[in-house]
Amino acid sequence: MPSKKIRAIISDIGRVIVGVDVSRSVQSLSTGISLSPKEIWSAIENDPRWPDLQEGRITARDWHLHIVRRLGSNLTYDQFIQAWNMALLPEALQPDSLWVGLAKNYRLALLSNTDPIHVAHMESTFSFFKYFLVRIYSCVVGASKPSPLVYLEALRALKVRSHEAVYIDDLQENVDAARALGMSGVHCTAPEKLAGCLRELGIDIP
């Protein structure tokens, strides 16, 4: 029987369900640029408009124009999008069977700090999305983890109270933020052990 307490499971995407390797993207973005891959990633990560992309205040096309100008790149929009999405590894870290089993007994949601470029790519590439009817993206709600706003939005959409939900993330600060709201938390640093961690919380996985 499923746990009587837990009714919903909310999961981060990057490094929990989808592998991330930023170096792949940076290597693609470096074509025709004199900057080193390290310098390129530092420029992107520290760009003052990076939070705007993550929280939906700049479009994908405007982000492309902003970054290629800053880096001195001549990548077209389509080339840039392809390079940007190279950061996401093509094989999911979790088998679909995990979500199939969990969906029988729990309400499932995704909660991710991400941008519209990655959202479009992931939703059209990975099959696991069909098991998550609730999808909370920072670029849609206009706020990022660990802000309480995004967690509360997920709980509202799932129609559960905080103590009825488990939250999974690879970053401790995001797990701590969920726990501060009364949720159970799983700090997932080894994706292959996720199912075992959930079982330890009393989650029923058929």
N, C-alpha and C. Protein backbone atom coordinates (compact mmCIF):
# COMPACT_ATOMS: atom_id res chain seq x y z
N MET A 1 0.85 -1.20 0.00
CA MET A 1 0.00 0.00 0.00
C MET A 1 0.88 1.25 0.00
N PRO A 2 0.47 2.30 -0.72
CA PRO A 2 1.25 3.53 -0.71
C PRO A 2 1.20 4.18 0.66
N SER A 3 2.21 5.02 0.94
CA SER A 3 2.24 5.73 2.20
C SER A 3 0.98 6.55 2.39
N LYS A 4 0.43 6.54 3.60
CA LYS A 4 -0.78 7.31 3.88
C LYS A 4 -0.47 8.79 3.98
N LYS A 5 0.77 9.11 4.33
CA LYS A 5 1.15 10.51 4.52
C LYS A 5 1.48 11.19 3.21
N ILE A 6 2.30 10.54 2.39
CA ILE A 6 2.77 11.16 1.16
C ILE A 6 1.78 10.95 0.02
N ARG A 7 1.40 12.05 -0.61
CA ARG A 7 0.47 11.99 -1.74
C ARG A 7 1.10 12.48 -3.03
N ALA A 8 2.22 13.20 -2.93
CA ALA A 8 2.81 13.80 -4.12
C ALA A 8 4.33 13.73 -4.08
N ILE A 9 4.93 13.61 -5.24
CA ILE A 9 6.38 13.61 -5.40
C ILE A 9 6.75 14.70 -6.40
N ILE A 10 7.60 15.59 -5.97
CA ILE A 10 8.03 16.72 -6.79
C ILE A 10 9.52 16.57 -7.05
N SER A 11 9.93 16.64 -8.30
CA SER A 11 11.33 16.41 -8.62
C SER A 11 11.94 17.53 -9.46
N ASP A 12 13.17 17.85 -9.13
CA ASP A 12 14.01 18.66 -9.99
C ASP A 12 14.28 17.85 -11.27
N ILE A 13 14.80 18.49 -12.30
CA ILE A 13 15.11 17.79 -13.55
C ILE A 13 16.61 17.58 -13.72
N GLY A 14 17.36 18.67 -13.77
CA GLY A 14 18.79 18.60 -14.05
C GLY A 14 19.58 17.83 -13.02
N ARG A 15 20.34 16.84 -13.48
CA ARG A 15 21.21 15.99 -12.66
C ARG A 15 20.43 15.04 -11.75
N VAL A 16 19.12 15.05 -11.86
CA VAL A 16 18.28 14.07 -11.17
C VAL A 16 17.62 13.15 -12.18
N ILE A 17 17.03 13.75 -13.23
CA ILE A 17 16.37 12.98 -14.28
C ILE A 17 17.09 13.12 -15.61
N VAL A 18 17.64 14.30 -15.87
CA VAL A 18 18.39 14.56 -17.10
C VAL A 18 19.82 14.94 -16.75
N GLY A 19 20.78 14.27 -17.37
CA GLY A 19 22.18 14.58 -17.13
C GLY A 19 22.56 15.93 -17.72
N VAL A 20 23.49 16.61 -17.08
CA VAL A 20 23.93 17.94 -17.52
C VAL A 20 25.45 17.95 -17.63
N ASP A 21 25.94 18.42 -18.77
CA ASP A 21 27.37 18.60 -18.98
C ASP A 21 27.56 19.92 -19.72
N VAL A 22 27.77 20.97 -18.96
CA VAL A 22 27.88 22.32 -19.54
C VAL A 22 29.03 22.42 -20.52
N SER A 23 30.09 21.64 -20.31
CA SER A 23 31.26 21.73 -21.19
C SER A 23 30.91 21.42 -22.63
N ARG A 24 29.94 20.53 -22.84
CA ARG A 24 29.51 20.20 -24.21
C ARG A 24 28.93 21.42 -24.91
N SER A 25 28.12 22.17 -24.17
CA SER A 25 27.50 23.36 -24.73
C SER A 25 28.54 24.45 -24.99
N VAL A 26 29.40 24.66 -24.01
CA VAL A 26 30.42 25.70 -24.14
C VAL A 26 31.35 25.41 -25.32
N GLN A 27 31.69 24.14 -25.51
CA GLN A 27 32.54 23.77 -26.63
C GLN A 27 31.90 24.14 -27.96
N SER A 28 30.59 23.91 -28.05
CA SER A 28 29.86 24.25 -29.28
C SER A 28 29.75 25.76 -29.46
N LEU A 29 29.59 26.47 -28.34
CA LEU A 29 29.46 27.93 -28.40
C LEU A 29 30.78 28.61 -28.73
N SER A 30 31.89 27.90 -28.55
CA SER A 30 33.21 28.52 -28.71
C SER A 30 33.66 28.63 -30.16
N THR A 31 32.88 28.08 -31.08
CA THR A 31 33.25 28.11 -32.49
C THR A 31 33.46 29.55 -32.98
N GLY A 32 34.66 29.82 -33.46
CA GLY A 32 34.96 31.14 -34.00
C GLY A 32 35.17 32.22 -32.97
N ILE A 33 35.29 31.83 -31.68
CA ILE A 33 35.47 32.81 -30.61
C ILE A 33 36.87 32.65 -30.01
N SER A 34 37.51 33.76 -29.69
CA SER A 34 38.87 33.70 -29.15
C SER A 34 38.90 33.35 -27.67
N LEU A 35 37.77 33.45 -26.97
CA LEU A 35 37.73 33.14 -25.55
C LEU A 35 37.85 31.64 -25.32
N SER A 36 38.42 31.27 -24.19
CA SER A 36 38.51 29.86 -23.81
C SER A 36 37.13 29.39 -23.34
N PRO A 37 36.89 28.07 -23.36
CA PRO A 37 35.61 27.56 -22.86
C PRO A 37 35.32 28.03 -21.43
N LYS A 38 36.35 28.06 -20.58
CA LYS A 38 36.16 28.51 -19.20
C LYS A 38 35.72 29.96 -19.16
N GLU A 39 36.33 30.79 -20.01
CA GLU A 39 35.98 32.21 -20.05
C GLU A 39 34.56 32.40 -20.58
N ILE A 40 34.17 31.58 -21.55
CA ILE A 40 32.83 31.68 -22.11
C ILE A 40 31.78 31.35 -21.05
N TRP A 41 31.99 30.24 -20.32
CA TRP A 41 31.01 29.86 -19.31
C TRP A 41 30.94 30.89 -18.19
N SER A 42 32.09 31.43 -17.79
CA SER A 42 32.11 32.46 -16.75
C SER A 42 31.33 33.68 -17.19
N ALA A 43 31.49 34.06 -18.46
CA ALA A 43 30.77 35.22 -18.99
C ALA A 43 29.26 34.99 -18.97
N ILE A 44 28.85 33.77 -19.32
CA ILE A 44 27.42 33.45 -19.34
C ILE A 44 26.86 33.37 -17.93
N GLU A 45 27.54 32.62 -17.07
CA GLU A 45 27.05 32.38 -15.72
C GLU A 45 26.97 33.67 -14.89
N ASN A 46 27.88 34.60 -15.17
CA ASN A 46 27.91 35.85 -14.42
C ASN A 46 27.25 37.01 -15.14
N ASP A 47 26.63 36.69 -16.28
CA ASP A 47 25.95 37.75 -17.04
C ASP A 47 24.77 38.29 -16.22
N PRO A 48 24.63 39.60 -16.14
CA PRO A 48 23.53 40.17 -15.34
C PRO A 48 22.14 39.81 -15.87
N ARG A 49 22.06 39.36 -17.10
CA ARG A 49 20.77 38.99 -17.67
C ARG A 49 20.46 37.49 -17.54
N TRP A 50 21.41 36.74 -16.98
CA TRP A 50 21.18 35.30 -16.78
C TRP A 50 19.93 35.03 -15.93
N PRO A 51 19.74 35.73 -14.81
CA PRO A 51 18.51 35.52 -14.05
C PRO A 51 17.26 35.87 -14.85
N ASP A 52 17.37 36.83 -15.75
CA ASP A 52 16.23 37.20 -16.58
C ASP A 52 15.82 36.05 -17.49
N LEU A 53 16.81 35.31 -18.02
CA LEU A 53 16.49 34.15 -18.85
C LEU A 53 15.84 33.07 -18.01
N GLN A 54 16.42 32.81 -16.84
CA GLN A 54 15.92 31.76 -15.96
C GLN A 54 14.53 32.06 -15.42
N GLU A 55 14.19 33.33 -15.33
CA GLU A 55 12.90 33.71 -14.74
C GLU A 55 11.95 34.35 -15.74
N GLY A 56 12.23 34.14 -17.02
CA GLY A 56 11.27 34.50 -18.06
C GLY A 56 11.14 35.97 -18.41
N ARG A 57 12.16 36.76 -18.09
CA ARG A 57 12.07 38.19 -18.40
C ARG A 57 12.79 38.56 -19.70
N ILE A 58 13.34 37.55 -20.39
CA ILE A 58 13.97 37.77 -21.68
C ILE A 58 13.64 36.56 -22.56
N THR A 59 13.35 36.80 -23.82
CA THR A 59 12.99 35.70 -24.72
C THR A 59 14.24 34.96 -25.18
N ALA A 60 14.03 33.78 -25.73
CA ALA A 60 15.14 32.99 -26.26
C ALA A 60 15.88 33.75 -27.36
N ARG A 61 15.14 34.41 -28.22
CA ARG A 61 15.78 35.15 -29.33
C ARG A 61 16.58 36.34 -28.82
N ASP A 62 16.06 37.04 -27.82
CA ASP A 62 16.79 38.17 -27.26
C ASP A 62 18.03 37.69 -26.51
N TRP A 63 17.92 36.53 -25.87
CA TRP A 63 19.08 35.96 -25.18
C TRP A 63 20.17 35.60 -26.20
N HIS A 64 19.77 35.02 -27.30
CA HIS A 64 20.74 34.69 -28.36
C HIS A 64 21.47 35.95 -28.82
N LEU A 65 20.72 36.99 -29.11
CA LEU A 65 21.34 38.23 -29.59
C LEU A 65 22.27 38.82 -28.53
N HIS A 66 21.83 38.79 -27.29
CA HIS A 66 22.62 39.34 -26.20
C HIS A 66 23.95 38.60 -26.03
N ILE A 67 23.89 37.27 -26.03
CA ILE A 67 25.08 36.47 -25.78
C ILE A 67 26.06 36.50 -26.96
N VAL A 68 25.56 36.38 -28.18
CA VAL A 68 26.50 36.38 -29.31
C VAL A 68 27.19 37.74 -29.44
N ARG A 69 26.49 38.80 -29.11
CA ARG A 69 27.13 40.11 -29.13
C ARG A 69 28.19 40.21 -28.05
N ARG A 70 27.87 39.71 -26.89
CA ARG A 70 28.81 39.79 -25.77
C ARG A 70 30.05 38.93 -26.02
N LEU A 71 29.87 37.78 -26.62
CA LEU A 71 30.98 36.87 -26.86
C LEU A 71 31.72 37.15 -28.16
N GLY A 72 31.11 37.94 -29.04
CA GLY A 72 31.71 38.17 -30.34
C GLY A 72 31.52 36.99 -31.26
N SER A 73 30.39 36.29 -31.09
CA SER A 73 30.10 35.10 -31.88
C SER A 73 29.27 35.44 -33.11
N ASN A 74 29.36 34.59 -34.14
CA ASN A 74 28.53 34.78 -35.33
C ASN A 74 27.53 33.64 -35.50
N LEU A 75 27.25 32.91 -34.43
CA LEU A 75 26.28 31.82 -34.51
C LEU A 75 24.89 32.34 -34.83
N THR A 76 24.22 31.68 -35.75
CA THR A 76 22.83 32.02 -36.04
C THR A 76 21.96 31.56 -34.87
N TYR A 77 20.72 31.96 -34.89
CA TYR A 77 19.81 31.56 -33.81
C TYR A 77 19.70 30.05 -33.71
N ASP A 78 19.51 29.38 -34.84
CA ASP A 78 19.37 27.93 -34.82
C ASP A 78 20.65 27.24 -34.35
N GLN A 79 21.80 27.75 -34.76
CA GLN A 79 23.07 27.19 -34.31
C GLN A 79 23.26 27.40 -32.82
N PHE A 80 22.85 28.55 -32.35
CA PHE A 80 22.97 28.86 -30.92
C PHE A 80 22.08 27.94 -30.09
N ILE A 81 20.84 27.75 -30.54
CA ILE A 81 19.91 26.88 -29.82
C ILE A 81 20.46 25.45 -29.75
N GLN A 82 20.99 24.97 -30.84
CA GLN A 82 21.57 23.63 -30.86
C GLN A 82 22.74 23.53 -29.89
N ALA A 83 23.60 24.54 -29.89
CA ALA A 83 24.75 24.55 -28.98
C ALA A 83 24.29 24.64 -27.53
N TRP A 84 23.31 25.47 -27.27
CA TRP A 84 22.80 25.66 -25.90
C TRP A 84 22.25 24.35 -25.34
N ASN A 85 21.55 23.62 -26.17
CA ASN A 85 20.93 22.37 -25.72
C ASN A 85 21.91 21.21 -25.61
N MET A 86 23.13 21.39 -26.10
CA MET A 86 24.14 20.35 -25.95
C MET A 86 24.47 20.08 -24.49
N ALA A 87 24.17 21.02 -23.62
CA ALA A 87 24.43 20.84 -22.19
C ALA A 87 23.60 19.71 -21.59
N LEU A 88 22.51 19.36 -22.25
CA LEU A 88 21.61 18.32 -21.75
C LEU A 88 21.95 16.99 -22.41
N LEU A 89 22.32 16.01 -21.61
CA LEU A 89 22.69 14.71 -22.15
C LEU A 89 21.46 13.99 -22.70
N PRO A 90 21.63 13.22 -23.76
CA PRO A 90 20.48 12.66 -24.48
C PRO A 90 19.76 11.52 -23.77
N GLU A 91 20.40 10.82 -22.84
CA GLU A 91 19.77 9.70 -22.17
C GLU A 91 19.31 10.09 -20.77
N ALA A 92 18.06 9.80 -20.43
CA ALA A 92 17.54 10.11 -19.10
C ALA A 92 18.28 9.31 -18.04
N LEU A 93 18.42 9.90 -16.86
CA LEU A 93 19.12 9.25 -15.75
C LEU A 93 18.24 8.26 -15.00
N GLN A 94 16.93 8.38 -15.17
CA GLN A 94 15.98 7.48 -14.52
C GLN A 94 15.18 6.73 -15.58
N PRO A 95 14.90 5.46 -15.34
CA PRO A 95 14.06 4.73 -16.29
C PRO A 95 12.61 5.19 -16.21
N ASP A 96 11.92 5.18 -17.32
CA ASP A 96 10.50 5.56 -17.32
C ASP A 96 9.70 4.67 -16.38
N SER A 97 10.15 3.43 -16.20
CA SER A 97 9.42 2.50 -15.33
C SER A 97 9.28 3.03 -13.91
N LEU A 98 10.26 3.82 -13.45
CA LEU A 98 10.16 4.41 -12.11
C LEU A 98 8.95 5.32 -12.02
N TRP A 99 8.78 6.18 -13.03
CA TRP A 99 7.67 7.15 -13.00
C TRP A 99 6.34 6.46 -13.28
N VAL A 100 6.36 5.42 -14.10
CA VAL A 100 5.14 4.65 -14.35
C VAL A 100 4.62 4.08 -13.04
N GLY A 101 5.52 3.50 -12.25
CA GLY A 101 5.13 2.93 -10.98
C GLY A 101 4.65 3.97 -9.99
N LEU A 102 5.39 5.07 -9.89
CA LEU A 102 5.03 6.11 -8.94
C LEU A 102 3.71 6.79 -9.30
N ALA A 103 3.47 6.96 -10.59
CA ALA A 103 2.25 7.64 -11.04
C ALA A 103 0.98 6.88 -10.67
N LYS A 104 1.12 5.59 -10.37
CA LYS A 104 -0.05 4.80 -9.98
C LYS A 104 -0.57 5.19 -8.60
N ASN A 105 0.34 5.69 -7.75
CA ASN A 105 -0.03 5.96 -6.37
C ASN A 105 0.17 7.39 -5.91
N TYR A 106 0.86 8.19 -6.71
CA TYR A 106 1.20 9.54 -6.28
C TYR A 106 0.98 10.55 -7.40
N ARG A 107 0.78 11.80 -6.99
CA ARG A 107 0.72 12.89 -7.95
C ARG A 107 2.16 13.34 -8.19
N LEU A 108 2.53 13.49 -9.46
CA LEU A 108 3.91 13.81 -9.81
C LEU A 108 4.03 15.22 -10.39
N ALA A 109 5.10 15.90 -10.00
CA ALA A 109 5.36 17.24 -10.53
C ALA A 109 6.84 17.43 -10.76
N LEU A 110 7.16 18.25 -11.75
CA LEU A 110 8.53 18.68 -12.00
C LEU A 110 8.68 20.11 -11.51
N LEU A 111 9.82 20.42 -10.92
CA LEU A 111 10.08 21.77 -10.42
C LEU A 111 11.53 22.10 -10.75
N SER A 112 11.72 22.99 -11.71
CA SER A 112 13.07 23.21 -12.23
C SER A 112 13.39 24.67 -12.47
N ASN A 113 14.61 25.05 -12.10
CA ASN A 113 15.16 26.33 -12.53
C ASN A 113 15.69 26.12 -13.94
N THR A 114 15.00 26.64 -14.91
CA THR A 114 15.38 26.38 -16.30
C THR A 114 14.91 27.50 -17.20
N ASP A 115 15.30 27.43 -18.45
CA ASP A 115 14.98 28.49 -19.41
C ASP A 115 14.10 27.94 -20.53
N PRO A 116 13.47 28.81 -21.30
CA PRO A 116 12.55 28.34 -22.34
C PRO A 116 13.21 27.51 -23.43
N ILE A 117 14.50 27.71 -23.66
CA ILE A 117 15.22 26.93 -24.68
C ILE A 117 15.31 25.47 -24.24
N HIS A 118 15.73 25.27 -23.01
CA HIS A 118 15.85 23.91 -22.49
C HIS A 118 14.49 23.25 -22.30
N VAL A 119 13.49 24.01 -21.89
CA VAL A 119 12.15 23.45 -21.72
C VAL A 119 11.65 22.88 -23.04
N ALA A 120 11.74 23.67 -24.10
CA ALA A 120 11.26 23.22 -25.40
C ALA A 120 12.01 21.97 -25.86
N HIS A 121 13.31 21.95 -25.65
CA HIS A 121 14.12 20.80 -26.06
C HIS A 121 13.76 19.56 -25.25
N MET A 122 13.69 19.70 -23.94
CA MET A 122 13.43 18.54 -23.10
C MET A 122 12.05 17.95 -23.32
N GLU A 123 11.05 18.81 -23.42
CA GLU A 123 9.68 18.31 -23.58
C GLU A 123 9.48 17.61 -24.92
N SER A 124 10.29 17.96 -25.90
CA SER A 124 10.16 17.31 -27.20
C SER A 124 11.10 16.11 -27.36
N THR A 125 11.98 15.91 -26.38
CA THR A 125 12.99 14.86 -26.48
C THR A 125 12.74 13.68 -25.56
N PHE A 126 12.35 13.96 -24.32
CA PHE A 126 12.26 12.91 -23.30
C PHE A 126 10.83 12.44 -23.07
N SER A 127 10.68 11.15 -22.94
CA SER A 127 9.35 10.55 -22.78
C SER A 127 8.80 10.66 -21.37
N PHE A 128 9.65 10.90 -20.37
CA PHE A 128 9.17 10.89 -18.99
C PHE A 128 8.22 12.04 -18.67
N PHE A 129 8.23 13.08 -19.48
CA PHE A 129 7.38 14.24 -19.20
C PHE A 129 5.90 13.88 -19.15
N LYS A 130 5.49 12.87 -19.88
CA LYS A 130 4.07 12.52 -19.91
C LYS A 130 3.55 12.04 -18.57
N TYR A 131 4.45 11.66 -17.67
CA TYR A 131 4.02 11.20 -16.35
C TYR A 131 3.90 12.35 -15.35
N PHE A 132 4.35 13.53 -15.76
CA PHE A 132 4.31 14.70 -14.88
C PHE A 132 3.33 15.73 -15.45
N LEU A 133 2.10 15.68 -14.99
CA LEU A 133 1.10 16.61 -15.51
C LEU A 133 1.31 18.01 -14.96
N VAL A 134 1.95 18.11 -13.80
CA VAL A 134 2.28 19.42 -13.23
C VAL A 134 3.75 19.70 -13.47
N ARG A 135 4.03 20.83 -14.12
CA ARG A 135 5.41 21.20 -14.45
C ARG A 135 5.61 22.67 -14.08
N ILE A 136 6.44 22.89 -13.09
CA ILE A 136 6.70 24.24 -12.60
C ILE A 136 8.10 24.65 -13.04
N TYR A 137 8.18 25.63 -13.93
CA TYR A 137 9.46 26.10 -14.44
C TYR A 137 9.71 27.53 -13.98
N SER A 138 10.93 27.82 -13.57
CA SER A 138 11.26 29.17 -13.12
C SER A 138 10.97 30.20 -14.20
N CYS A 139 11.22 29.84 -15.46
CA CYS A 139 11.02 30.79 -16.55
C CYS A 139 9.55 31.08 -16.82
N VAL A 140 8.66 30.29 -16.25
CA VAL A 140 7.22 30.51 -16.41
C VAL A 140 6.65 31.23 -15.20
N VAL A 141 7.05 30.82 -14.00
CA VAL A 141 6.48 31.41 -12.78
C VAL A 141 7.19 32.70 -12.37
N GLY A 142 8.37 32.97 -12.96
CA GLY A 142 9.06 34.22 -12.67
C GLY A 142 9.82 34.24 -11.36
N ALA A 143 10.16 33.07 -10.84
CA ALA A 143 10.93 32.97 -9.60
C ALA A 143 11.74 31.68 -9.66
N SER A 144 12.84 31.63 -8.92
CA SER A 144 13.73 30.47 -8.94
C SER A 144 13.89 29.87 -7.55
N LYS A 145 14.14 28.57 -7.52
CA LYS A 145 14.54 27.94 -6.27
C LYS A 145 15.84 28.59 -5.80
N PRO A 146 16.00 28.78 -4.49
CA PRO A 146 15.19 28.26 -3.40
C PRO A 146 14.07 29.18 -2.90
N SER A 147 13.57 30.07 -3.74
CA SER A 147 12.45 30.92 -3.32
C SER A 147 11.24 30.07 -2.95
N PRO A 148 10.60 30.33 -1.82
CA PRO A 148 9.41 29.57 -1.43
C PRO A 148 8.29 29.64 -2.46
N LEU A 149 8.28 30.69 -3.26
CA LEU A 149 7.20 30.89 -4.22
C LEU A 149 7.04 29.71 -5.18
N VAL A 150 8.14 29.15 -5.65
CA VAL A 150 8.04 28.08 -6.64
C VAL A 150 7.56 26.77 -6.01
N TYR A 151 7.98 26.53 -4.78
CA TYR A 151 7.52 25.32 -4.10
C TYR A 151 6.02 25.42 -3.79
N LEU A 152 5.60 26.59 -3.36
CA LEU A 152 4.19 26.79 -3.04
C LEU A 152 3.33 26.67 -4.30
N GLU A 153 3.86 27.12 -5.43
CA GLU A 153 3.14 26.99 -6.69
C GLU A 153 2.96 25.52 -7.05
N ALA A 154 3.98 24.71 -6.80
CA ALA A 154 3.88 23.28 -7.08
C ALA A 154 2.84 22.62 -6.18
N LEU A 155 2.86 22.95 -4.90
CA LEU A 155 1.88 22.39 -3.96
C LEU A 155 0.48 22.79 -4.34
N ARG A 156 0.32 24.05 -4.74
CA ARG A 156 -1.01 24.52 -5.14
C ARG A 156 -1.51 23.76 -6.36
N ALA A 157 -0.63 23.59 -7.34
CA ALA A 157 -1.03 22.89 -8.57
C ALA A 157 -1.35 21.42 -8.31
N LEU A 158 -0.65 20.83 -7.36
CA LEU A 158 -0.87 19.42 -7.02
C LEU A 158 -2.06 19.23 -6.08
N LYS A 159 -2.47 20.33 -5.45
CA LYS A 159 -3.58 20.31 -4.49
C LYS A 159 -3.26 19.41 -3.30
N VAL A 160 -2.05 19.59 -2.77
CA VAL A 160 -1.64 18.86 -1.57
C VAL A 160 -1.02 19.84 -0.59
N ARG A 161 -0.96 19.44 0.68
CA ARG A 161 -0.30 20.23 1.71
C ARG A 161 1.18 19.84 1.75
N SER A 162 1.97 20.72 2.33
CA SER A 162 3.42 20.52 2.28
C SER A 162 3.85 19.19 2.89
N HIS A 163 3.24 18.77 4.00
CA HIS A 163 3.66 17.53 4.64
C HIS A 163 3.25 16.29 3.85
N GLU A 164 2.47 16.50 2.80
CA GLU A 164 2.04 15.39 1.95
C GLU A 164 2.93 15.23 0.72
N ALA A 165 4.01 16.01 0.64
CA ALA A 165 4.86 15.99 -0.56
C ALA A 165 6.32 15.70 -0.23
N VAL A 166 6.96 15.02 -1.16
CA VAL A 166 8.40 14.78 -1.12
C VAL A 166 9.04 15.60 -2.24
N TYR A 167 10.14 16.27 -1.93
CA TYR A 167 10.85 17.03 -2.94
C TYR A 167 12.25 16.45 -3.16
N ILE A 168 12.65 16.32 -4.43
CA ILE A 168 13.94 15.73 -4.82
C ILE A 168 14.77 16.78 -5.57
N ASP A 169 16.03 16.92 -5.17
CA ASP A 169 16.92 17.87 -5.86
C ASP A 169 18.36 17.45 -5.65
N ASP A 170 19.24 17.86 -6.57
CA ASP A 170 20.66 17.55 -6.42
C ASP A 170 21.38 18.60 -5.59
N LEU A 171 20.74 19.74 -5.32
CA LEU A 171 21.35 20.80 -4.54
C LEU A 171 20.76 20.85 -3.14
N GLN A 172 21.63 20.82 -2.14
CA GLN A 172 21.18 20.77 -0.75
C GLN A 172 20.34 21.99 -0.39
N GLU A 173 20.72 23.19 -0.87
CA GLU A 173 19.98 24.39 -0.50
C GLU A 173 18.53 24.34 -0.99
N ASN A 174 18.30 23.70 -2.11
CA ASN A 174 16.94 23.58 -2.62
C ASN A 174 16.13 22.57 -1.82
N VAL A 175 16.79 21.51 -1.39
CA VAL A 175 16.12 20.53 -0.52
C VAL A 175 15.79 21.17 0.82
N ASP A 176 16.73 21.93 1.36
CA ASP A 176 16.51 22.61 2.64
C ASP A 176 15.33 23.57 2.57
N ALA A 177 15.20 24.26 1.44
CA ALA A 177 14.09 25.21 1.28
C ALA A 177 12.75 24.48 1.28
N ALA A 178 12.71 23.30 0.65
CA ALA A 178 11.49 22.50 0.66
C ALA A 178 11.16 22.01 2.06
N ARG A 179 12.18 21.56 2.77
CA ARG A 179 11.97 21.08 4.14
C ARG A 179 11.50 22.19 5.06
N ALA A 180 11.99 23.41 4.81
CA ALA A 180 11.58 24.55 5.64
C ALA A 180 10.08 24.83 5.51
N LEU A 181 9.51 24.40 4.40
CA LEU A 181 8.06 24.57 4.18
C LEU A 181 7.26 23.38 4.70
N GLY A 182 7.95 22.36 5.21
CA GLY A 182 7.26 21.20 5.76
C GLY A 182 7.25 19.98 4.88
N MET A 183 7.94 20.04 3.76
CA MET A 183 8.00 18.90 2.85
C MET A 183 9.10 17.94 3.28
N SER A 184 8.98 16.69 2.87
CA SER A 184 10.09 15.75 3.01
C SER A 184 11.06 16.03 1.87
N GLY A 185 12.35 15.78 2.11
CA GLY A 185 13.33 16.10 1.08
C GLY A 185 14.29 14.97 0.80
N VAL A 186 14.67 14.83 -0.46
CA VAL A 186 15.67 13.86 -0.87
C VAL A 186 16.78 14.61 -1.59
N HIS A 187 17.99 14.57 -1.01
CA HIS A 187 19.15 15.19 -1.65
C HIS A 187 19.75 14.13 -2.56
N CYS A 188 19.50 14.25 -3.85
CA CYS A 188 19.88 13.22 -4.82
C CYS A 188 21.21 13.56 -5.48
N THR A 189 22.28 12.99 -4.94
CA THR A 189 23.61 13.20 -5.53
C THR A 189 24.04 12.00 -6.36
N ALA A 190 23.32 10.91 -6.25
CA ALA A 190 23.59 9.69 -7.03
C ALA A 190 22.28 9.25 -7.65
N PRO A 191 21.99 9.66 -8.88
CA PRO A 191 20.70 9.37 -9.51
C PRO A 191 20.32 7.90 -9.50
N GLU A 192 21.32 7.02 -9.59
CA GLU A 192 21.02 5.58 -9.63
C GLU A 192 20.47 5.07 -8.30
N LYS A 193 20.60 5.87 -7.25
CA LYS A 193 20.12 5.46 -5.93
C LYS A 193 18.77 6.10 -5.57
N LEU A 194 18.19 6.85 -6.50
CA LEU A 194 16.97 7.58 -6.19
C LEU A 194 15.83 6.67 -5.74
N ALA A 195 15.59 5.58 -6.45
CA ALA A 195 14.49 4.68 -6.10
C ALA A 195 14.66 4.17 -4.67
N GLY A 196 15.89 3.82 -4.30
CA GLY A 196 16.15 3.34 -2.95
C GLY A 196 15.90 4.41 -1.91
N CYS A 197 16.27 5.63 -2.20
CA CYS A 197 16.03 6.74 -1.28
C CYS A 197 14.53 6.97 -1.06
N LEU A 198 13.77 6.84 -2.12
CA LEU A 198 12.32 7.02 -2.01
C LEU A 198 11.70 5.89 -1.18
N ARG A 199 12.17 4.69 -1.38
CA ARG A 199 11.65 3.56 -0.60
C ARG A 199 11.94 3.75 0.89
N GLU A 200 13.10 4.35 1.21
CA GLU A 200 13.45 4.59 2.61
C GLU A 200 12.47 5.57 3.26
N LEU A 201 11.84 6.40 2.47
CA LEU A 201 10.83 7.33 2.99
C LEU A 201 9.44 6.68 3.07
N GLY A 202 9.36 5.43 2.69
CA GLY A 202 8.07 4.75 2.71
C GLY A 202 7.29 4.88 1.43
N ILE A 203 7.95 5.39 0.37
CA ILE A 203 7.28 5.53 -0.92
C ILE A 203 7.14 4.14 -1.55
N ASP A 204 5.94 3.86 -2.00
CA ASP A 204 5.66 2.57 -2.64
C ASP A 204 5.97 2.65 -4.13
N ILE A 205 6.92 1.84 -4.58
CA ILE A 205 7.27 1.78 -6.00
C ILE A 205 6.96 0.37 -6.50
N PRO A 206 5.88 0.18 -7.25
CA PRO A 206 5.50 -1.14 -7.72
C PRO A 206 6.60 -1.81 -8.57
